[in-house]
Each structure stands twice: as structure tokens, then as C-alpha cells.
Amino acid sequence: MDDVKFKYQPAWIIIFDFFLSFFLYGITIHLLARDTDFSIPSCIFYLIILLMLCYLLPWTIRMLLGKPAILLTNEYFVDNLFNRKIKWSNISSIDYEPRRFTRGFDRLVINLKNPDEYFDSPLKQILYKFKRLYTVNDISVVLDFVYGEKEEILQVARVYWDKSAGL
């Protein structure tokens, strides 16, 4: 089978980039004003916006360079949103989880046979164990930032997964 590429959803990424950059600019002007002292809430808000931009700017650069958000090869499921490369043989299940209520994101949920292989650093292991307290899923791929029908992405991923399992 040929590799299947799913592009980034440019509308969401550009909108988020625009608003976060606008807020970052506004907060920077506010913090640098002479008559404004550095209050703790404004500094915390500034850091949150800055951290969000640290996620979104690489997505924007990858999108502009033409790198796919999700790449399905015969050997790997490649998630370029969070730089994960997962062997098909290590995937125990793939499911679609729609957004809950009016908030959240549509997700492609991947459970692993051997999750320790992907959470190799101490920080990743601690975050993974904390995440296991509130969800049973190992890896979630946010599909709202990926161009295409959610069910189509799931079906194509399952075809690759079934092929790797020899089904």
C-alpha cells in the first residue's frame, strides 16, 4: 500500500495563531507599559499564552512546509502534531472519540500493547501515569487540526492496522 497523508486543517491553526498572537501582543504591551506593575495573574496568563504558541507555531511551520499532520505507512502511524511515530504492531486498538458536550476535540484514540516503549523519559512516564488516573486511553490524536472526515481517517487507519496484523 502507498503512504496516506492527511494534511493540517489550516483554518483552525491560522485562527488560533492569530488570536494567540494578538493576546500575546496585547499582554506584552500591557506588561511593558510604564505605569503597570508586573502582577502575578497577568504574568501567569502571559506564560499560558506563550506555552500555547509553543505548540501552535511548529504546527504552522509544518503546515506551511507541506508536512502532513498524519502519515500512514506500512510500518508506522506517524502523528506529526505531537511528533509520535508508532509501530502498527504495537497498537492494540484504534477508535474514534467524538467531542463531548459542546467542548473538547474529536480524537483518534490509540491504545498500545507496550506503552513503556513510547514514554521513555521520566517526565513522560509521570505524565502518562497521571493521565491514566482520568482516562484509559494511551494516545489521543486531535482530529480537529487534521483536514478530512474523521470517520474516513479512522477507517483508513484501521485498514493499515488490519494489514499489519495480517487480517
C-alpha atoms as a PDB file:
ATOM      1  CA  MET A   1       0.000   0.000   0.000  1.00  0.00           C
ATOM      2  CA  ASP A   2       1.092   3.536  -0.664  1.00  0.00           C
ATOM      3  CA  ASP A   3       1.583   6.014   2.137  1.00  0.00           C
ATOM      4  CA  VAL A   4      -1.506   8.023   3.059  1.00  0.00           C
ATOM      5  CA  LYS A   5      -1.088  11.632   4.131  1.00  0.00           C
ATOM      6  CA  PHE A   6      -3.626  13.773   5.953  1.00  0.00           C
ATOM      7  CA  LYS A   7      -2.860  17.495   5.863  1.00  0.00           C
ATOM      8  CA  TYR A   8      -3.197  20.027   8.645  1.00  0.00           C
ATOM      9  CA  GLN A   9      -6.516  21.857   8.891  1.00  0.00           C
ATOM     10  CA  PRO A  10      -5.313  25.359   8.005  1.00  0.00           C
ATOM     11  CA  ALA A  11      -8.390  27.267   9.178  1.00  0.00           C
ATOM     12  CA  TRP A  12      -8.143  26.158  12.830  1.00  0.00           C
ATOM     13  CA  ILE A  13      -4.406  26.637  13.057  1.00  0.00           C
ATOM     14  CA  ILE A  14      -4.426  30.085  11.449  1.00  0.00           C
ATOM     15  CA  ILE A  15      -7.326  31.257  13.650  1.00  0.00           C
ATOM     16  CA  PHE A  16      -5.617  30.021  16.829  1.00  0.00           C
ATOM     17  CA  ASP A  17      -2.288  31.538  15.748  1.00  0.00           C
ATOM     18  CA  PHE A  18      -3.937  34.884  15.045  1.00  0.00           C
ATOM     19  CA  PHE A  19      -5.807  35.121  18.345  1.00  0.00           C
ATOM     20  CA  LEU A  20      -2.925  33.869  20.479  1.00  0.00           C
ATOM     21  CA  SER A  21      -0.505  36.255  18.772  1.00  0.00           C
ATOM     22  CA  PHE A  22      -2.990  39.094  19.283  1.00  0.00           C
ATOM     23  CA  PHE A  23      -3.329  38.278  23.004  1.00  0.00           C
ATOM     24  CA  LEU A  24       0.432  37.881  23.393  1.00  0.00           C
ATOM     25  CA  TYR A  25       0.994  41.260  21.745  1.00  0.00           C
ATOM     26  CA  GLY A  26      -1.655  42.916  23.932  1.00  0.00           C
ATOM     27  CA  ILE A  27      -0.314  41.427  27.128  1.00  0.00           C
ATOM     28  CA  THR A  28       3.263  42.354  26.198  1.00  0.00           C
ATOM     29  CA  ILE A  29       2.213  45.974  25.616  1.00  0.00           C
ATOM     30  CA  HIS A  30       0.315  45.914  28.929  1.00  0.00           C
ATOM     31  CA  LEU A  31       3.260  44.459  30.869  1.00  0.00           C
ATOM     32  CA  LEU A  32       5.759  46.862  29.336  1.00  0.00           C
ATOM     33  CA  ALA A  33       3.681  49.985  29.990  1.00  0.00           C
ATOM     34  CA  ARG A  34       5.414  52.303  32.421  1.00  0.00           C
ATOM     35  CA  ASP A  35       2.515  52.684  34.800  1.00  0.00           C
ATOM     36  CA  THR A  36       1.807  48.948  35.044  1.00  0.00           C
ATOM     37  CA  ASP A  37       3.468  46.759  37.614  1.00  0.00           C
ATOM     38  CA  PHE A  38       4.010  43.093  36.886  1.00  0.00           C
ATOM     39  CA  SER A  39       1.050  41.424  38.565  1.00  0.00           C
ATOM     40  CA  ILE A  40       1.110  37.673  39.123  1.00  0.00           C
ATOM     41  CA  PRO A  41      -2.174  36.921  37.266  1.00  0.00           C
ATOM     42  CA  SER A  42      -1.068  38.811  34.167  1.00  0.00           C
ATOM     43  CA  CYS A  43       2.319  37.076  34.175  1.00  0.00           C
ATOM     44  CA  ILE A  44       0.658  33.657  34.529  1.00  0.00           C
ATOM     45  CA  PHE A  45      -1.737  34.465  31.693  1.00  0.00           C
ATOM     46  CA  TYR A  46       1.221  35.634  29.601  1.00  0.00           C
ATOM     47  CA  LEU A  47       3.069  32.354  30.207  1.00  0.00           C
ATOM     48  CA  ILE A  48      -0.014  30.281  29.325  1.00  0.00           C
ATOM     49  CA  ILE A  49      -0.399  32.114  26.001  1.00  0.00           C
ATOM     50  CA  LEU A  50       3.326  31.728  25.337  1.00  0.00           C
ATOM     51  CA  LEU A  51       3.161  27.969  26.012  1.00  0.00           C
ATOM     52  CA  MET A  52       0.158  27.602  23.706  1.00  0.00           C
ATOM     53  CA  LEU A  53       2.091  29.380  20.958  1.00  0.00           C
ATOM     54  CA  CYS A  54       4.973  26.952  21.510  1.00  0.00           C
ATOM     55  CA  TYR A  55       2.584  24.191  20.381  1.00  0.00           C
ATOM     56  CA  LEU A  56       0.899  26.072  17.559  1.00  0.00           C
ATOM     57  CA  LEU A  57       3.878  27.714  15.859  1.00  0.00           C
ATOM     58  CA  PRO A  58       5.570  24.382  14.994  1.00  0.00           C
ATOM     59  CA  TRP A  59       2.228  23.162  13.576  1.00  0.00           C
ATOM     60  CA  THR A  60       2.043  26.314  11.456  1.00  0.00           C
ATOM     61  CA  ILE A  61       5.593  25.883  10.196  1.00  0.00           C
ATOM     62  CA  ARG A  62       4.991  22.206   9.368  1.00  0.00           C
ATOM     63  CA  MET A  63       1.746  23.130   7.617  1.00  0.00           C
ATOM     64  CA  LEU A  64       3.481  25.809   5.525  1.00  0.00           C
ATOM     65  CA  LEU A  65       6.287  23.390   4.623  1.00  0.00           C
ATOM     66  CA  GLY A  66       3.739  20.821   3.421  1.00  0.00           C
ATOM     67  CA  LYS A  67       4.436  18.176   6.064  1.00  0.00           C
ATOM     68  CA  PRO A  68       1.344  16.020   6.723  1.00  0.00           C
ATOM     69  CA  ALA A  69      -0.391  16.082  10.111  1.00  0.00           C
ATOM     70  CA  ILE A  70      -0.857  12.305   9.993  1.00  0.00           C
ATOM     71  CA  LEU A  71       1.149   9.932   7.836  1.00  0.00           C
ATOM     72  CA  LEU A  72       0.176   6.274   7.498  1.00  0.00           C
ATOM     73  CA  THR A  73       2.887   3.973   6.168  1.00  0.00           C
ATOM     74  CA  ASN A  74       3.083   0.181   6.034  1.00  0.00           C
ATOM     75  CA  GLU A  75       5.227   0.156   9.191  1.00  0.00           C
ATOM     76  CA  TYR A  76       4.182   3.219  11.190  1.00  0.00           C
ATOM     77  CA  PHE A  77       1.398   5.544  12.252  1.00  0.00           C
ATOM     78  CA  VAL A  78       3.132   8.937  12.263  1.00  0.00           C
ATOM     79  CA  ASP A  79       1.484  11.738  14.240  1.00  0.00           C
ATOM     80  CA  ASN A  80       3.271  14.978  13.326  1.00  0.00           C
ATOM     81  CA  LEU A  81       1.042  17.013  15.634  1.00  0.00           C
ATOM     82  CA  PHE A  82       2.922  15.718  18.669  1.00  0.00           C
ATOM     83  CA  ASN A  83       5.900  14.081  16.926  1.00  0.00           C
ATOM     84  CA  ARG A  84       4.951  10.459  17.597  1.00  0.00           C
ATOM     85  CA  LYS A  85       5.897   7.504  15.425  1.00  0.00           C
ATOM     86  CA  ILE A  86       4.038   4.342  16.441  1.00  0.00           C
ATOM     87  CA  LYS A  87       4.629   0.870  15.053  1.00  0.00           C
ATOM     88  CA  TRP A  88       1.424  -0.766  13.817  1.00  0.00           C
ATOM     89  CA  SER A  89       2.463  -3.972  15.600  1.00  0.00           C
ATOM     90  CA  ASN A  90       2.364  -2.136  18.957  1.00  0.00           C
ATOM     91  CA  ILE A  91      -1.199  -0.844  18.547  1.00  0.00           C
ATOM     92  CA  SER A  92      -3.859  -2.860  20.384  1.00  0.00           C
ATOM     93  CA  SER A  93      -6.873  -0.750  19.343  1.00  0.00           C
ATOM     94  CA  ILE A  94      -7.839   2.327  17.336  1.00  0.00           C
ATOM     95  CA  ASP A  95     -11.131   4.103  17.996  1.00  0.00           C
ATOM     96  CA  TYR A  96     -12.824   7.411  17.313  1.00  0.00           C
ATOM     97  CA  GLU A  97     -13.936   9.534  20.256  1.00  0.00           C
ATOM     98  CA  PRO A  98     -16.247  12.422  19.325  1.00  0.00           C
ATOM     99  CA  ARG A  99     -16.164  15.646  21.283  1.00  0.00           C
ATOM    100  CA  ARG A 100     -18.106  15.588  24.486  1.00  0.00           C
ATOM    101  CA  PHE A 101     -20.934  18.026  25.013  1.00  0.00           C
ATOM    102  CA  THR A 102     -20.067  21.347  23.372  1.00  0.00           C
ATOM    103  CA  ARG A 103     -16.389  21.462  24.339  1.00  0.00           C
ATOM    104  CA  GLY A 104     -13.347  19.464  23.505  1.00  0.00           C
ATOM    105  CA  PHE A 105     -11.975  17.963  20.331  1.00  0.00           C
ATOM    106  CA  ASP A 106     -12.688  14.958  18.163  1.00  0.00           C
ATOM    107  CA  ARG A 107      -9.968  12.412  18.813  1.00  0.00           C
ATOM    108  CA  LEU A 108      -8.466   9.303  17.340  1.00  0.00           C
ATOM    109  CA  VAL A 109      -7.752   7.125  20.366  1.00  0.00           C
ATOM    110  CA  ILE A 110      -4.865   4.672  20.155  1.00  0.00           C
ATOM    111  CA  ASN A 111      -4.179   2.092  22.845  1.00  0.00           C
ATOM    112  CA  LEU A 112      -0.776   0.448  22.879  1.00  0.00           C
ATOM    113  CA  LYS A 113       0.357  -3.081  23.672  1.00  0.00           C
ATOM    114  CA  ASN A 114       3.603  -1.796  25.180  1.00  0.00           C
ATOM    115  CA  PRO A 115       3.218   1.869  26.186  1.00  0.00           C
ATOM    116  CA  ASP A 116       6.557   1.978  28.029  1.00  0.00           C
ATOM    117  CA  GLU A 117       8.296   1.989  24.648  1.00  0.00           C
ATOM    118  CA  TYR A 118       6.816   5.430  23.856  1.00  0.00           C
ATOM    119  CA  PHE A 119       7.089   7.020  27.285  1.00  0.00           C
ATOM    120  CA  ASP A 120      10.820   6.607  27.755  1.00  0.00           C
ATOM    121  CA  SER A 121      11.788   9.718  29.728  1.00  0.00           C
ATOM    122  CA  PRO A 122      10.932  10.098  33.431  1.00  0.00           C
ATOM    123  CA  LEU A 123       8.769  13.165  32.744  1.00  0.00           C
ATOM    124  CA  LYS A 124       6.787  11.351  30.035  1.00  0.00           C
ATOM    125  CA  GLN A 125       6.268   8.390  32.373  1.00  0.00           C
ATOM    126  CA  ILE A 126       4.991  10.614  35.186  1.00  0.00           C
ATOM    127  CA  LEU A 127       2.642  12.465  32.828  1.00  0.00           C
ATOM    128  CA  TYR A 128       1.441   9.144  31.383  1.00  0.00           C
ATOM    129  CA  LYS A 129       0.707   7.742  34.868  1.00  0.00           C
ATOM    130  CA  PHE A 130      -1.128  10.938  35.813  1.00  0.00           C
ATOM    131  CA  LYS A 131      -3.162  10.745  32.600  1.00  0.00           C
ATOM    132  CA  ARG A 132      -4.105   7.135  33.411  1.00  0.00           C
ATOM    133  CA  LEU A 133      -5.897   8.414  36.530  1.00  0.00           C
ATOM    134  CA  TYR A 134      -8.629  10.051  34.439  1.00  0.00           C
ATOM    135  CA  THR A 135      -8.599   8.153  31.119  1.00  0.00           C
ATOM    136  CA  VAL A 136      -7.904   4.634  29.910  1.00  0.00           C
ATOM    137  CA  ASN A 137      -6.535   5.751  26.541  1.00  0.00           C
ATOM    138  CA  ASP A 138      -2.799   5.718  25.869  1.00  0.00           C
ATOM    139  CA  ILE A 139      -2.545   8.212  22.985  1.00  0.00           C
ATOM    140  CA  SER A 140      -5.056  10.689  21.603  1.00  0.00           C
ATOM    141  CA  VAL A 141      -4.644  12.366  18.228  1.00  0.00           C
ATOM    142  CA  VAL A 142      -6.664  15.574  17.936  1.00  0.00           C
ATOM    143  CA  LEU A 143      -8.555  15.319  14.646  1.00  0.00           C
ATOM    144  CA  ASP A 144      -9.884  18.885  14.594  1.00  0.00           C
ATOM    145  CA  PHE A 145      -6.454  20.037  13.403  1.00  0.00           C
ATOM    146  CA  VAL A 146      -6.389  17.431  10.614  1.00  0.00           C
ATOM    147  CA  TYR A 147      -8.051  18.037   7.245  1.00  0.00           C
ATOM    148  CA  GLY A 148     -10.547  15.322   6.308  1.00  0.00           C
ATOM    149  CA  GLU A 149     -13.577  13.455   7.553  1.00  0.00           C
ATOM    150  CA  LYS A 150     -12.997  11.977  10.988  1.00  0.00           C
ATOM    151  CA  GLU A 151     -14.584   8.628  10.142  1.00  0.00           C
ATOM    152  CA  GLU A 152     -12.527   8.383   6.936  1.00  0.00           C
ATOM    153  CA  ILE A 153      -9.303   8.895   8.888  1.00  0.00           C
ATOM    154  CA  LEU A 154     -10.369   6.166  11.321  1.00  0.00           C
ATOM    155  CA  GLN A 155     -11.285   3.751   8.511  1.00  0.00           C
ATOM    156  CA  VAL A 156      -8.006   4.260   6.637  1.00  0.00           C
ATOM    157  CA  ALA A 157      -6.021   3.855   9.880  1.00  0.00           C
ATOM    158  CA  ARG A 158      -7.886   0.618  10.623  1.00  0.00           C
ATOM    159  CA  VAL A 159      -7.107  -0.720   7.132  1.00  0.00           C
ATOM    160  CA  TYR A 160      -3.383  -0.156   7.748  1.00  0.00           C
ATOM    161  CA  TRP A 161      -3.646  -1.640  11.241  1.00  0.00           C
ATOM    162  CA  ASP A 162      -5.511  -4.723   9.969  1.00  0.00           C
ATOM    163  CA  LYS A 163      -2.952  -5.151   7.176  1.00  0.00           C
ATOM    164  CA  SER A 164      -0.071  -5.063   9.651  1.00  0.00           C
ATOM    165  CA  ALA A 165      -1.821  -7.678  11.809  1.00  0.00           C
ATOM    166  CA  GLY A 166      -2.287  -9.900   8.764  1.00  0.00           C
ATOM    167  CA  LEU A 167      -6.099  -9.766   8.826  1.00  0.00           C
END
